[in-house]
Amino acid sequence: MKTAGDKAERKGFDKADEVRTFPKGRVELVTIGGTTIGRATLEPGWRWSTSVQPLVNTESCEAAHFQYHMAGTLKVVMDDGTEILCKPGDVSLLPSGHDAWVVGDEPVVVIDFQGMVEYAKKAA
């Protein structure tokens, strides 16, 4: 069985393995070294509870995220009331149980190293 480090690989989001779209956003996924990484682009006006929640039918986002924020400002409110504001250059760790939305007029772009495998998949 191959594991990360067995061979050199290169992939780009411009030729993603999978693309998921939803109102005011999209996620591009690449799987490399057995790990799936996602790039999310969220347009102004995007909010998890209005753009993704109707697809997944959960009270709040159940994906745990480990993200690098490339562009835009993202406000996150955890179910326990904790609030954080993520800006370009930030790295965030978000446990499951949150809502989030784009702040301002610039799209948010994040690279997620953990939480995109099931993100925005329609509920069965």
PDB file of N, CA and C in Angstrom:
ATOM      1  N   MET A   1       0.834  -1.183   0.000  1.00  0.00           N
ATOM      2  CA  MET A   1       0.000   0.000   0.000  1.00  0.00           C
ATOM      3  C   MET A   1       0.877   1.243   0.000  1.00  0.00           C
ATOM      4  N   LYS A   2       0.563   2.166  -0.877  1.00  0.00           N
ATOM      5  CA  LYS A   2       1.312   3.411  -0.974  1.00  0.00           C
ATOM      6  C   LYS A   2       0.864   4.375   0.122  1.00  0.00           C
ATOM      7  N   THR A   3       1.801   5.120   0.652  1.00  0.00           N
ATOM      8  CA  THR A   3       1.484   6.167   1.620  1.00  0.00           C
ATOM      9  C   THR A   3       2.186   7.436   1.196  1.00  0.00           C
ATOM     10  N   ALA A   4       1.824   8.553   1.806  1.00  0.00           N
ATOM     11  CA  ALA A   4       2.462   9.821   1.476  1.00  0.00           C
ATOM     12  C   ALA A   4       3.970   9.664   1.588  1.00  0.00           C
ATOM     13  N   GLY A   5       4.672  10.132   0.581  1.00  0.00           N
ATOM     14  CA  GLY A   5       6.113  10.040   0.594  1.00  0.00           C
ATOM     15  C   GLY A   5       6.666   8.902  -0.250  1.00  0.00           C
ATOM     16  N   ASP A   6       5.808   7.999  -0.737  1.00  0.00           N
ATOM     17  CA  ASP A   6       6.278   6.890  -1.569  1.00  0.00           C
ATOM     18  C   ASP A   6       6.680   7.346  -2.965  1.00  0.00           C
ATOM     19  N   LYS A   7       6.050   8.409  -3.460  1.00  0.00           N
ATOM     20  CA  LYS A   7       6.389   8.926  -4.775  1.00  0.00           C
ATOM     21  C   LYS A   7       6.056  10.405  -4.831  1.00  0.00           C
ATOM     22  N   ALA A   8       6.751  11.088  -5.707  1.00  0.00           N
ATOM     23  CA  ALA A   8       6.488  12.511  -5.897  1.00  0.00           C
ATOM     24  C   ALA A   8       5.209  12.667  -6.708  1.00  0.00           C
ATOM     25  N   GLU A   9       4.375  13.611  -6.300  1.00  0.00           N
ATOM     26  CA  GLU A   9       3.130  13.891  -7.016  1.00  0.00           C
ATOM     27  C   GLU A   9       2.941  15.394  -7.104  1.00  0.00           C
ATOM     28  N   ARG A  10       2.172  15.823  -8.113  1.00  0.00           N
ATOM     29  CA  ARG A  10       1.809  17.224  -8.243  1.00  0.00           C
ATOM     30  C   ARG A  10       0.422  17.293  -8.839  1.00  0.00           C
ATOM     31  N   LYS A  11      -0.420  18.085  -8.235  1.00  0.00           N
ATOM     32  CA  LYS A  11      -1.760  18.331  -8.759  1.00  0.00           C
ATOM     33  C   LYS A  11      -2.066  19.794  -8.563  1.00  0.00           C
ATOM     34  N   GLY A  12      -3.021  20.291  -9.336  1.00  0.00           N
ATOM     35  CA  GLY A  12      -3.439  21.675  -9.192  1.00  0.00           C
ATOM     36  C   GLY A  12      -4.948  21.786  -9.139  1.00  0.00           C
ATOM     37  N   PHE A  13      -5.417  22.825  -8.510  1.00  0.00           N
ATOM     38  CA  PHE A  13      -6.867  23.037  -8.421  1.00  0.00           C
ATOM     39  C   PHE A  13      -7.459  23.405  -9.777  1.00  0.00           C
ATOM     40  N   ASP A  14      -6.608  23.828 -10.727  1.00  0.00           N
ATOM     41  CA  ASP A  14      -7.112  24.151 -12.061  1.00  0.00           C
ATOM     42  C   ASP A  14      -7.610  22.894 -12.786  1.00  0.00           C
ATOM     43  N   LYS A  15      -7.174  21.726 -12.355  1.00  0.00           N
ATOM     44  CA  LYS A  15      -7.657  20.442 -12.888  1.00  0.00           C
ATOM     45  C   LYS A  15      -8.102  19.578 -11.714  1.00  0.00           C
ATOM     46  N   ALA A  16      -9.062  20.084 -10.952  1.00  0.00           N
ATOM     47  CA  ALA A  16      -9.536  19.410  -9.741  1.00  0.00           C
ATOM     48  C   ALA A  16     -10.135  18.046 -10.066  1.00  0.00           C
ATOM     49  N   ASP A  17     -10.025  17.130  -9.110  1.00  0.00           N
ATOM     50  CA  ASP A  17     -10.634  15.807  -9.243  1.00  0.00           C
ATOM     51  C   ASP A  17     -12.154  15.890  -9.153  1.00  0.00           C
ATOM     52  N   GLU A  18     -12.646  16.858  -8.395  1.00  0.00           N
ATOM     53  CA  GLU A  18     -14.088  17.048  -8.221  1.00  0.00           C
ATOM     54  C   GLU A  18     -14.351  18.514  -7.919  1.00  0.00           C
ATOM     55  N   VAL A  19     -15.477  19.017  -8.431  1.00  0.00           N
ATOM     56  CA  VAL A  19     -15.909  20.389  -8.142  1.00  0.00           C
ATOM     57  C   VAL A  19     -17.345  20.320  -7.652  1.00  0.00           C
ATOM     58  N   ARG A  20     -17.603  20.949  -6.512  1.00  0.00           N
ATOM     59  CA  ARG A  20     -18.970  21.047  -5.982  1.00  0.00           C
ATOM     60  C   ARG A  20     -19.355  22.516  -5.967  1.00  0.00           C
ATOM     61  N   THR A  21     -20.527  22.816  -6.509  1.00  0.00           N
ATOM     62  CA  THR A  21     -21.012  24.196  -6.501  1.00  0.00           C
ATOM     63  C   THR A  21     -22.264  24.286  -5.649  1.00  0.00           C
ATOM     64  N   PHE A  22     -22.491  25.459  -5.124  1.00  0.00           N
ATOM     65  CA  PHE A  22     -23.652  25.761  -4.297  1.00  0.00           C
ATOM     66  C   PHE A  22     -23.862  27.263  -4.404  1.00  0.00           C
ATOM     67  N   PRO A  23     -24.995  27.782  -3.958  1.00  0.00           N
ATOM     68  CA  PRO A  23     -25.230  29.221  -4.112  1.00  0.00           C
ATOM     69  C   PRO A  23     -24.078  30.070  -3.562  1.00  0.00           C
ATOM     70  N   LYS A  24     -23.538  30.914  -4.423  1.00  0.00           N
ATOM     71  CA  LYS A  24     -22.475  31.868  -4.093  1.00  0.00           C
ATOM     72  C   LYS A  24     -21.159  31.212  -3.701  1.00  0.00           C
ATOM     73  N   GLY A  25     -20.958  29.956  -4.122  1.00  0.00           N
ATOM     74  CA  GLY A  25     -19.681  29.332  -3.785  1.00  0.00           C
ATOM     75  C   GLY A  25     -19.393  28.062  -4.547  1.00  0.00           C
ATOM     76  N   ARG A  26     -18.151  27.614  -4.383  1.00  0.00           N
ATOM     77  CA  ARG A  26     -17.713  26.362  -4.999  1.00  0.00           C
ATOM     78  C   ARG A  26     -16.539  25.809  -4.203  1.00  0.00           C
ATOM     79  N   VAL A  27     -16.381  24.493  -4.279  1.00  0.00           N
ATOM     80  CA  VAL A  27     -15.244  23.812  -3.674  1.00  0.00           C
ATOM     81  C   VAL A  27     -14.603  22.954  -4.752  1.00  0.00           C
ATOM     82  N   GLU A  28     -13.304  23.109  -4.913  1.00  0.00           N
ATOM     83  CA  GLU A  28     -12.537  22.285  -5.840  1.00  0.00           C
ATOM     84  C   GLU A  28     -11.688  21.337  -4.996  1.00  0.00           C
ATOM     85  N   LEU A  29     -11.750  20.046  -5.317  1.00  0.00           N
ATOM     86  CA  LEU A  29     -11.072  19.027  -4.519  1.00  0.00           C
ATOM     87  C   LEU A  29      -9.994  18.329  -5.332  1.00  0.00           C
ATOM     88  N   VAL A  30      -8.849  18.124  -4.703  1.00  0.00           N
ATOM     89  CA  VAL A  30      -7.805  17.284  -5.271  1.00  0.00           C
ATOM     90  C   VAL A  30      -7.412  16.254  -4.217  1.00  0.00           C
ATOM     91  N   THR A  31      -7.154  15.052  -4.671  1.00  0.00           N
ATOM     92  CA  THR A  31      -6.673  14.004  -3.778  1.00  0.00           C
ATOM     93  C   THR A  31      -5.253  13.687  -4.193  1.00  0.00           C
ATOM     94  N   ILE A  32      -4.361  13.792  -3.224  1.00  0.00           N
ATOM     95  CA  ILE A  32      -2.936  13.579  -3.483  1.00  0.00           C
ATOM     96  C   ILE A  32      -2.324  12.917  -2.255  1.00  0.00           C
ATOM     97  N   GLY A  33      -1.507  11.905  -2.478  1.00  0.00           N
ATOM     98  CA  GLY A  33      -0.901  11.201  -1.352  1.00  0.00           C
ATOM     99  C   GLY A  33      -1.930  10.582  -0.437  1.00  0.00           C
ATOM    100  N   GLY A  34      -3.100  10.253  -0.972  1.00  0.00           N
ATOM    101  CA  GLY A  34      -4.154   9.655  -0.163  1.00  0.00           C
ATOM    102  C   GLY A  34      -4.952  10.644   0.667  1.00  0.00           C
ATOM    103  N   THR A  35      -4.701  11.948   0.485  1.00  0.00           N
ATOM    104  CA  THR A  35      -5.385  12.985   1.253  1.00  0.00           C
ATOM    105  C   THR A  35      -6.154  13.907   0.313  1.00  0.00           C
ATOM    106  N   THR A  36      -7.361  14.266   0.699  1.00  0.00           N
ATOM    107  CA  THR A  36      -8.168  15.194  -0.090  1.00  0.00           C
ATOM    108  C   THR A  36      -8.048  16.594   0.496  1.00  0.00           C
ATOM    109  N   ILE A  37      -7.700  17.542  -0.367  1.00  0.00           N
ATOM    110  CA  ILE A  37      -7.549  18.948   0.011  1.00  0.00           C
ATOM    111  C   ILE A  37      -8.532  19.746  -0.831  1.00  0.00           C
ATOM    112  N   GLY A  38      -9.148  20.751  -0.230  1.00  0.00           N
ATOM    113  CA  GLY A  38     -10.124  21.544  -0.955  1.00  0.00           C
ATOM    114  C   GLY A  38      -9.770  23.016  -0.995  1.00  0.00           C
ATOM    115  N   ARG A  39     -10.119  23.635  -2.116  1.00  0.00           N
ATOM    116  CA  ARG A  39     -10.055  25.095  -2.213  1.00  0.00           C
ATOM    117  C   ARG A  39     -11.481  25.593  -2.335  1.00  0.00           C
ATOM    118  N   ALA A  40     -11.904  26.388  -1.375  1.00  0.00           N
ATOM    119  CA  ALA A  40     -13.246  26.966  -1.397  1.00  0.00           C
ATOM    120  C   ALA A  40     -13.152  28.420  -1.816  1.00  0.00           C
ATOM    121  N   THR A  41     -14.029  28.799  -2.725  1.00  0.00           N
ATOM    122  CA  THR A  41     -14.175  30.196  -3.128  1.00  0.00           C
ATOM    123  C   THR A  41     -15.603  30.589  -2.787  1.00  0.00           C
ATOM    124  N   LEU A  42     -15.742  31.577  -1.927  1.00  0.00           N
ATOM    125  CA  LEU A  42     -17.038  31.992  -1.396  1.00  0.00           C
ATOM    126  C   LEU A  42     -17.259  33.455  -1.754  1.00  0.00           C
ATOM    127  N   GLU A  43     -18.319  33.713  -2.483  1.00  0.00           N
ATOM    128  CA  GLU A  43     -18.590  35.054  -2.981  1.00  0.00           C
ATOM    129  C   GLU A  43     -19.235  35.928  -1.897  1.00  0.00           C
ATOM    130  N   PRO A  44     -19.135  37.260  -2.047  1.00  0.00           N
ATOM    131  CA  PRO A  44     -19.845  38.146  -1.125  1.00  0.00           C
ATOM    132  C   PRO A  44     -21.322  37.755  -1.065  1.00  0.00           C
ATOM    133  N   GLY A  45     -21.862  37.727   0.132  1.00  0.00           N
ATOM    134  CA  GLY A  45     -23.242  37.300   0.335  1.00  0.00           C
ATOM    135  C   GLY A  45     -23.366  35.828   0.695  1.00  0.00           C
ATOM    136  N   TRP A  46     -22.260  35.046   0.560  1.00  0.00           N
ATOM    137  CA  TRP A  46     -22.295  33.636   0.944  1.00  0.00           C
ATOM    138  C   TRP A  46     -22.401  33.520   2.458  1.00  0.00           C
ATOM    139  N   ARG A  47     -23.229  32.599   2.892  1.00  0.00           N
ATOM    140  CA  ARG A  47     -23.338  32.244   4.302  1.00  0.00           C
ATOM    141  C   ARG A  47     -23.641  30.753   4.358  1.00  0.00           C
ATOM    142  N   TRP A  48     -22.947  30.023   5.235  1.00  0.00           N
ATOM    143  CA  TRP A  48     -23.143  28.581   5.306  1.00  0.00           C
ATOM    144  C   TRP A  48     -24.621  28.247   5.511  1.00  0.00           C
ATOM    145  N   SER A  49     -25.290  28.927   6.436  1.00  0.00           N
ATOM    146  CA  SER A  49     -26.668  28.581   6.797  1.00  0.00           C
ATOM    147  C   SER A  49     -27.669  28.829   5.681  1.00  0.00           C
ATOM    148  N   THR A  50     -27.321  29.622   4.673  1.00  0.00           N
ATOM    149  CA  THR A  50     -28.247  29.826   3.558  1.00  0.00           C
ATOM    150  C   THR A  50     -27.768  29.188   2.257  1.00  0.00           C
ATOM    151  N   SER A  51     -26.455  28.965   2.123  1.00  0.00           N
ATOM    152  CA  SER A  51     -25.909  28.421   0.882  1.00  0.00           C
ATOM    153  C   SER A  51     -25.657  26.919   0.919  1.00  0.00           C
ATOM    154  N   VAL A  52     -25.270  26.384   2.078  1.00  0.00           N
ATOM    155  CA  VAL A  52     -24.903  24.965   2.182  1.00  0.00           C
ATOM    156  C   VAL A  52     -25.889  24.185   3.049  1.00  0.00           C
ATOM    157  N   GLN A  53     -26.381  24.778   4.105  1.00  0.00           N
ATOM    158  CA  GLN A  53     -27.287  24.078   5.018  1.00  0.00           C
ATOM    159  C   GLN A  53     -28.465  23.426   4.300  1.00  0.00           C
ATOM    160  N   PRO A  54     -29.102  24.096   3.322  1.00  0.00           N
ATOM    161  CA  PRO A  54     -30.211  23.441   2.624  1.00  0.00           C
ATOM    162  C   PRO A  54     -29.805  22.163   1.873  1.00  0.00           C
ATOM    163  N   LEU A  55     -28.521  22.029   1.516  1.00  0.00           N
ATOM    164  CA  LEU A  55     -28.041  20.827   0.830  1.00  0.00           C
ATOM    165  C   LEU A  55     -27.815  19.666   1.788  1.00  0.00           C
ATOM    166  N   VAL A  56     -27.333  19.980   2.993  1.00  0.00           N
ATOM    167  CA  VAL A  56     -26.895  18.929   3.914  1.00  0.00           C
ATOM    168  C   VAL A  56     -27.879  18.644   5.037  1.00  0.00           C
ATOM    169  N   ASN A  57     -28.831  19.556   5.262  1.00  0.00           N
ATOM    170  CA  ASN A  57     -29.884  19.361   6.271  1.00  0.00           C
ATOM    171  C   ASN A  57     -29.363  19.084   7.677  1.00  0.00           C
ATOM    172  N   THR A  58     -28.356  19.853   8.105  1.00  0.00           N
ATOM    173  CA  THR A  58     -27.884  19.790   9.487  1.00  0.00           C
ATOM    174  C   THR A  58     -28.097  21.156  10.123  1.00  0.00           C
ATOM    175  N   GLU A  59     -28.142  21.201  11.443  1.00  0.00           N
ATOM    176  CA  GLU A  59     -28.374  22.463  12.151  1.00  0.00           C
ATOM    177  C   GLU A  59     -27.248  23.468  11.904  1.00  0.00           C
ATOM    178  N   SER A  60     -26.013  22.978  11.925  1.00  0.00           N
ATOM    179  CA  SER A  60     -24.855  23.825  11.679  1.00  0.00           C
ATOM    180  C   SER A  60     -23.836  22.999  10.900  1.00  0.00           C
ATOM    181  N   CYS A  61     -22.746  23.615  10.512  1.00  0.00           N
ATOM    182  CA  CYS A  61     -21.740  22.899   9.725  1.00  0.00           C
ATOM    183  C   CYS A  61     -21.088  21.837  10.595  1.00  0.00           C
ATOM    184  N   GLU A  62     -21.144  20.600  10.146  1.00  0.00           N
ATOM    185  CA  GLU A  62     -20.574  19.482  10.907  1.00  0.00           C
ATOM    186  C   GLU A  62     -19.167  19.133  10.467  1.00  0.00           C
ATOM    187  N   ALA A  63     -18.663  19.801   9.430  1.00  0.00           N
ATOM    188  CA  ALA A  63     -17.293  19.550   8.983  1.00  0.00           C
ATOM    189  C   ALA A  63     -16.321  20.271   9.911  1.00  0.00           C
ATOM    190  N   ALA A  64     -15.279  19.562  10.319  1.00  0.00           N
ATOM    191  CA  ALA A  64     -14.187  20.187  11.062  1.00  0.00           C
ATOM    192  C   ALA A  64     -13.177  20.672  10.026  1.00  0.00           C
ATOM    193  N   HIS A  65     -12.742  21.916  10.153  1.00  0.00           N
ATOM    194  CA  HIS A  65     -11.860  22.499   9.149  1.00  0.00           C
ATOM    195  C   HIS A  65     -10.498  22.849   9.731  1.00  0.00           C
ATOM    196  N   PHE A  66      -9.473  22.667   8.923  1.00  0.00           N
ATOM    197  CA  PHE A  66      -8.113  23.123   9.205  1.00  0.00           C
ATOM    198  C   PHE A  66      -7.720  23.884   7.953  1.00  0.00           C
ATOM    199  N   GLN A  67      -7.742  25.224   8.015  1.00  0.00           N
ATOM    200  CA  GLN A  67      -7.713  26.039   6.808  1.00  0.00           C
ATOM    201  C   GLN A  67      -6.612  27.091   6.811  1.00  0.00           C
ATOM    202  N   TYR A  68      -6.136  27.374   5.594  1.00  0.00           N
ATOM    203  CA  TYR A  68      -5.280  28.526   5.359  1.00  0.00           C
ATOM    204  C   TYR A  68      -6.108  29.528   4.563  1.00  0.00           C
ATOM    205  N   HIS A  69      -6.201  30.756   5.050  1.00  0.00           N
ATOM    206  CA  HIS A  69      -7.039  31.788   4.435  1.00  0.00           C
ATOM    207  C   HIS A  69      -6.197  32.619   3.468  1.00  0.00           C
ATOM    208  N   MET A  70      -6.568  32.532   2.194  1.00  0.00           N
ATOM    209  CA  MET A  70      -5.802  33.209   1.141  1.00  0.00           C
ATOM    210  C   MET A  70      -6.327  34.596   0.809  1.00  0.00           C
ATOM    211  N   ALA A  71      -7.660  34.777   0.857  1.00  0.00           N
ATOM    212  CA  ALA A  71      -8.243  36.058   0.452  1.00  0.00           C
ATOM    213  C   ALA A  71      -9.561  36.267   1.178  1.00  0.00           C
ATOM    214  N   GLY A  72      -9.950  37.512   1.322  1.00  0.00           N
ATOM    215  CA  GLY A  72     -11.245  37.853   1.910  1.00  0.00           C
ATOM    216  C   GLY A  72     -11.282  37.678   3.417  1.00  0.00           C
ATOM    217  N   THR A  73     -12.429  38.041   3.983  1.00  0.00           N
ATOM    218  CA  THR A  73     -12.634  37.942   5.428  1.00  0.00           C
ATOM    219  C   THR A  73     -13.822  37.042   5.700  1.00  0.00           C
ATOM    220  N   LEU A  74     -13.633  36.080   6.590  1.00  0.00           N
ATOM    221  CA  LEU A  74     -14.657  35.104   6.957  1.00  0.00           C
ATOM    222  C   LEU A  74     -14.951  35.215   8.437  1.00  0.00           C
ATOM    223  N   LYS A  75     -16.216  35.423   8.774  1.00  0.00           N
ATOM    224  CA  LYS A  75     -16.630  35.433  10.180  1.00  0.00           C
ATOM    225  C   LYS A  75     -17.190  34.056  10.502  1.00  0.00           C
ATOM    226  N   VAL A  76     -16.761  33.502  11.612  1.00  0.00           N
ATOM    227  CA  VAL A  76     -17.201  32.181  12.060  1.00  0.00           C
ATOM    228  C   VAL A  76     -17.797  32.325  13.450  1.00  0.00           C
ATOM    229  N   VAL A  77     -18.985  31.757  13.629  1.00  0.00           N
ATOM    230  CA  VAL A  77     -19.615  31.729  14.946  1.00  0.00           C
ATOM    231  C   VAL A  77     -19.878  30.263  15.293  1.00  0.00           C
ATOM    232  N   MET A  78     -19.216  29.810  16.359  1.00  0.00           N
ATOM    233  CA  MET A  78     -19.371  28.434  16.818  1.00  0.00           C
ATOM    234  C   MET A  78     -20.718  28.272  17.532  1.00  0.00           C
ATOM    235  N   ASP A  79     -21.199  27.051  17.596  1.00  0.00           N
ATOM    236  CA  ASP A  79     -22.469  26.791  18.278  1.00  0.00           C
ATOM    237  C   ASP A  79     -22.444  27.235  19.739  1.00  0.00           C
ATOM    238  N   ASP A  80     -21.256  27.263  20.363  1.00  0.00           N
ATOM    239  CA  ASP A  80     -21.161  27.695  21.766  1.00  0.00           C
ATOM    240  C   ASP A  80     -21.080  29.216  21.900  1.00  0.00           C
ATOM    241  N   GLY A  81     -21.159  29.943  20.761  1.00  0.00           N
ATOM    242  CA  GLY A  81     -21.133  31.405  20.790  1.00  0.00           C
ATOM    243  C   GLY A  81     -19.766  32.019  20.521  1.00  0.00           C
ATOM    244  N   THR A  82     -18.706  31.227  20.510  1.00  0.00           N
ATOM    245  CA  THR A  82     -17.371  31.739  20.210  1.00  0.00           C
ATOM    246  C   THR A  82     -17.356  32.308  18.793  1.00  0.00           C
ATOM    247  N   GLU A  83     -16.776  33.505  18.638  1.00  0.00           N
ATOM    248  CA  GLU A  83     -16.701  34.167  17.338  1.00  0.00           C
ATOM    249  C   GLU A  83     -15.249  34.418  16.967  1.00  0.00           C
ATOM    250  N   ILE A  84     -14.913  34.163  15.694  1.00  0.00           N
ATOM    251  CA  ILE A  84     -13.582  34.511  15.199  1.00  0.00           C
ATOM    252  C   ILE A  84     -13.720  35.141  13.820  1.00  0.00           C
ATOM    253  N   LEU A  85     -12.768  35.985  13.491  1.00  0.00           N
ATOM    254  CA  LEU A  85     -12.712  36.646  12.200  1.00  0.00           C
ATOM    255  C   LEU A  85     -11.420  36.185  11.528  1.00  0.00           C
ATOM    256  N   CYS A  86     -11.527  35.558  10.376  1.00  0.00           N
ATOM    257  CA  CYS A  86     -10.369  35.006   9.674  1.00  0.00           C
ATOM    258  C   CYS A  86     -10.054  35.873   8.467  1.00  0.00           C
ATOM    259  N   LYS A  87      -8.775  36.256   8.350  1.00  0.00           N
ATOM    260  CA  LYS A  87      -8.320  37.144   7.278  1.00  0.00           C
ATOM    261  C   LYS A  87      -7.161  36.494   6.528  1.00  0.00           C
ATOM    262  N   PRO A  88      -6.800  37.054   5.361  1.00  0.00           N
ATOM    263  CA  PRO A  88      -5.698  36.480   4.587  1.00  0.00           C
ATOM    264  C   PRO A  88      -4.434  36.302   5.431  1.00  0.00           C
ATOM    265  N   GLY A  89      -3.821  35.118   5.279  1.00  0.00           N
ATOM    266  CA  GLY A  89      -2.622  34.789   6.038  1.00  0.00           C
ATOM    267  C   GLY A  89      -2.902  34.022   7.314  1.00  0.00           C
ATOM    268  N   ASP A  90      -4.167  33.988   7.744  1.00  0.00           N
ATOM    269  CA  ASP A  90      -4.531  33.250   8.957  1.00  0.00           C
ATOM    270  C   ASP A  90      -4.613  31.753   8.681  1.00  0.00           C
ATOM    271  N   VAL A  91      -4.365  30.992   9.713  1.00  0.00           N
ATOM    272  CA  VAL A  91      -4.626  29.557   9.728  1.00  0.00           C
ATOM    273  C   VAL A  91      -5.670  29.350  10.802  1.00  0.00           C
ATOM    274  N   SER A  92      -6.745  28.618  10.462  1.00  0.00           N
ATOM    275  CA  SER A  92      -7.810  28.404  11.453  1.00  0.00           C
ATOM    276  C   SER A  92      -8.085  26.925  11.629  1.00  0.00           C
ATOM    277  N   LEU A  93      -8.461  26.576  12.842  1.00  0.00           N
ATOM    278  CA  LEU A  93      -8.914  25.241  13.197  1.00  0.00           C
ATOM    279  C   LEU A  93     -10.332  25.403  13.724  1.00  0.00           C
ATOM    280  N   LEU A  94     -11.298  24.846  12.998  1.00  0.00           N
ATOM    281  CA  LEU A  94     -12.704  25.018  13.341  1.00  0.00           C
ATOM    282  C   LEU A  94     -13.324  23.654  13.592  1.00  0.00           C
ATOM    283  N   PRO A  95     -13.661  23.341  14.838  1.00  0.00           N
ATOM    284  CA  PRO A  95     -14.352  22.082  15.104  1.00  0.00           C
ATOM    285  C   PRO A  95     -15.743  22.098  14.468  1.00  0.00           C
ATOM    286  N   SER A  96     -16.361  20.950  14.377  1.00  0.00           N
ATOM    287  CA  SER A  96     -17.731  20.906  13.853  1.00  0.00           C
ATOM    288  C   SER A  96     -18.644  21.718  14.763  1.00  0.00           C
ATOM    289  N   GLY A  97     -19.737  22.217  14.157  1.00  0.00           N
ATOM    290  CA  GLY A  97     -20.710  22.995  14.920  1.00  0.00           C
ATOM    291  C   GLY A  97     -20.492  24.487  14.785  1.00  0.00           C
ATOM    292  N   HIS A  98     -20.713  25.032  13.587  1.00  0.00           N
ATOM    293  CA  HIS A  98     -20.518  26.472  13.381  1.00  0.00           C
ATOM    294  C   HIS A  98     -21.313  26.950  12.169  1.00  0.00           C
ATOM    295  N   ASP A  99     -21.471  28.255  12.099  1.00  0.00           N
ATOM    296  CA  ASP A  99     -21.962  28.948  10.916  1.00  0.00           C
ATOM    297  C   ASP A  99     -20.835  29.889  10.508  1.00  0.00           C
ATOM    298  N   ALA A 100     -20.829  30.326   9.259  1.00  0.00           N
ATOM    299  CA  ALA A 100     -19.795  31.241   8.791  1.00  0.00           C
ATOM    300  C   ALA A 100     -20.339  32.032   7.622  1.00  0.00           C
ATOM    301  N   TRP A 101     -19.765  33.224   7.394  1.00  0.00           N
ATOM    302  CA  TRP A 101     -20.194  34.035   6.270  1.00  0.00           C
ATOM    303  C   TRP A 101     -19.081  34.980   5.830  1.00  0.00           C
ATOM    304  N   VAL A 102     -19.187  35.409   4.575  1.00  0.00           N
ATOM    305  CA  VAL A 102     -18.247  36.358   3.984  1.00  0.00           C
ATOM    306  C   VAL A 102     -18.571  37.752   4.526  1.00  0.00           C
ATOM    307  N   VAL A 103     -17.527  38.443   4.944  1.00  0.00           N
ATOM    308  CA  VAL A 103     -17.656  39.822   5.406  1.00  0.00           C
ATOM    309  C   VAL A 103     -17.074  40.724   4.319  1.00  0.00           C
ATOM    310  N   GLY A 104     -17.849  41.699   3.877  1.00  0.00           N
ATOM    311  CA  GLY A 104     -17.357  42.658   2.894  1.00  0.00           C
ATOM    312  C   GLY A 104     -17.626  42.243   1.461  1.00  0.00           C
ATOM    313  N   ASP A 105     -16.932  42.930   0.542  1.00  0.00           N
ATOM    314  CA  ASP A 105     -17.178  42.783  -0.888  1.00  0.00           C
ATOM    315  C   ASP A 105     -16.148  41.929  -1.616  1.00  0.00           C
ATOM    316  N   GLU A 106     -15.197  41.346  -0.894  1.00  0.00           N
ATOM    317  CA  GLU A 106     -14.161  40.525  -1.525  1.00  0.00           C
ATOM    318  C   GLU A 106     -14.471  39.047  -1.307  1.00  0.00           C
ATOM    319  N   PRO A 107     -14.337  38.222  -2.352  1.00  0.00           N
ATOM    320  CA  PRO A 107     -14.529  36.779  -2.163  1.00  0.00           C
ATOM    321  C   PRO A 107     -13.530  36.215  -1.154  1.00  0.00           C
ATOM    322  N   VAL A 108     -13.974  35.213  -0.430  1.00  0.00           N
ATOM    323  CA  VAL A 108     -13.112  34.478   0.489  1.00  0.00           C
ATOM    324  C   VAL A 108     -12.562  33.269  -0.265  1.00  0.00           C
ATOM    325  N   VAL A 109     -11.261  33.048  -0.137  1.00  0.00           N
ATOM    326  CA  VAL A 109     -10.629  31.852  -0.702  1.00  0.00           C
ATOM    327  C   VAL A 109      -9.845  31.193   0.421  1.00  0.00           C
ATOM    328  N   VAL A 110     -10.154  29.921   0.677  1.00  0.00           N
ATOM    329  CA  VAL A 110      -9.452  29.156   1.705  1.00  0.00           C
ATOM    330  C   VAL A 110      -8.981  27.831   1.122  1.00  0.00           C
ATOM    331  N   ILE A 111      -7.866  27.351   1.643  1.00  0.00           N
ATOM    332  CA  ILE A 111      -7.393  26.000   1.365  1.00  0.00           C
ATOM    333  C   ILE A 111      -7.661  25.208   2.631  1.00  0.00           C
ATOM    334  N   ASP A 112      -8.414  24.119   2.488  1.00  0.00           N
ATOM    335  CA  ASP A 112      -8.814  23.316   3.646  1.00  0.00           C
ATOM    336  C   ASP A 112      -8.127  21.959   3.567  1.00  0.00           C
ATOM    337  N   PHE A 113      -7.354  21.643   4.588  1.00  0.00           N
ATOM    338  CA  PHE A 113      -6.570  20.411   4.618  1.00  0.00           C
ATOM    339  C   PHE A 113      -7.288  19.261   5.325  1.00  0.00           C
ATOM    340  N   GLN A 114      -8.527  19.485   5.768  1.00  0.00           N
ATOM    341  CA  GLN A 114      -9.186  18.460   6.560  1.00  0.00           C
ATOM    342  C   GLN A 114     -10.661  18.293   6.276  1.00  0.00           C
ATOM    343  N   GLY A 115     -11.408  19.357   6.124  1.00  0.00           N
ATOM    344  CA  GLY A 115     -12.853  19.266   6.215  1.00  0.00           C
ATOM    345  C   GLY A 115     -13.660  19.235   4.927  1.00  0.00           C
ATOM    346  N   MET A 116     -13.047  18.968   3.785  1.00  0.00           N
ATOM    347  CA  MET A 116     -13.792  19.086   2.541  1.00  0.00           C
ATOM    348  C   MET A 116     -14.228  17.764   1.920  1.00  0.00           C
ATOM    349  N   VAL A 117     -13.836  16.641   2.470  1.00  0.00           N
ATOM    350  CA  VAL A 117     -14.174  15.345   1.864  1.00  0.00           C
ATOM    351  C   VAL A 117     -15.682  15.200   1.672  1.00  0.00           C
ATOM    352  N   GLU A 118     -16.474  15.549   2.663  1.00  0.00           N
ATOM    353  CA  GLU A 118     -17.930  15.426   2.595  1.00  0.00           C
ATOM    354  C   GLU A 118     -18.629  16.769   2.467  1.00  0.00           C
ATOM    355  N   TYR A 119     -17.884  17.869   2.442  1.00  0.00           N
ATOM    356  CA  TYR A 119     -18.458  19.206   2.482  1.00  0.00           C
ATOM    357  C   TYR A 119     -19.372  19.471   1.289  1.00  0.00           C
ATOM    358  N   ALA A 120     -20.551  19.989   1.588  1.00  0.00           N
ATOM    359  CA  ALA A 120     -21.534  20.408   0.577  1.00  0.00           C
ATOM    360  C   ALA A 120     -22.026  19.255  -0.309  1.00  0.00           C
ATOM    361  N   LYS A 121     -21.954  18.037   0.209  1.00  0.00           N
ATOM    362  CA  LYS A 121     -22.564  16.906  -0.495  1.00  0.00           C
ATOM    363  C   LYS A 121     -24.033  16.886  -0.136  1.00  0.00           C
ATOM    364  N   LYS A 122     -24.883  16.698  -1.122  1.00  0.00           N
ATOM    365  CA  LYS A 122     -26.325  16.664  -0.865  1.00  0.00           C
ATOM    366  C   LYS A 122     -26.675  15.501   0.039  1.00  0.00           C
ATOM    367  N   ALA A 123     -27.548  15.769   1.022  1.00  0.00           N
ATOM    368  CA  ALA A 123     -28.006  14.716   1.930  1.00  0.00           C
ATOM    369  C   ALA A 123     -28.784  13.674   1.157  1.00  0.00           C
ATOM    370  N   ALA A 124     -28.610  12.429   1.540  1.00  0.00           N
ATOM    371  CA  ALA A 124     -29.291  11.316   0.848  1.00  0.00           C
ATOM    372  C   ALA A 124     -30.753  11.255   1.210  1.00  0.00           C
TER     373      ALA A 124
END
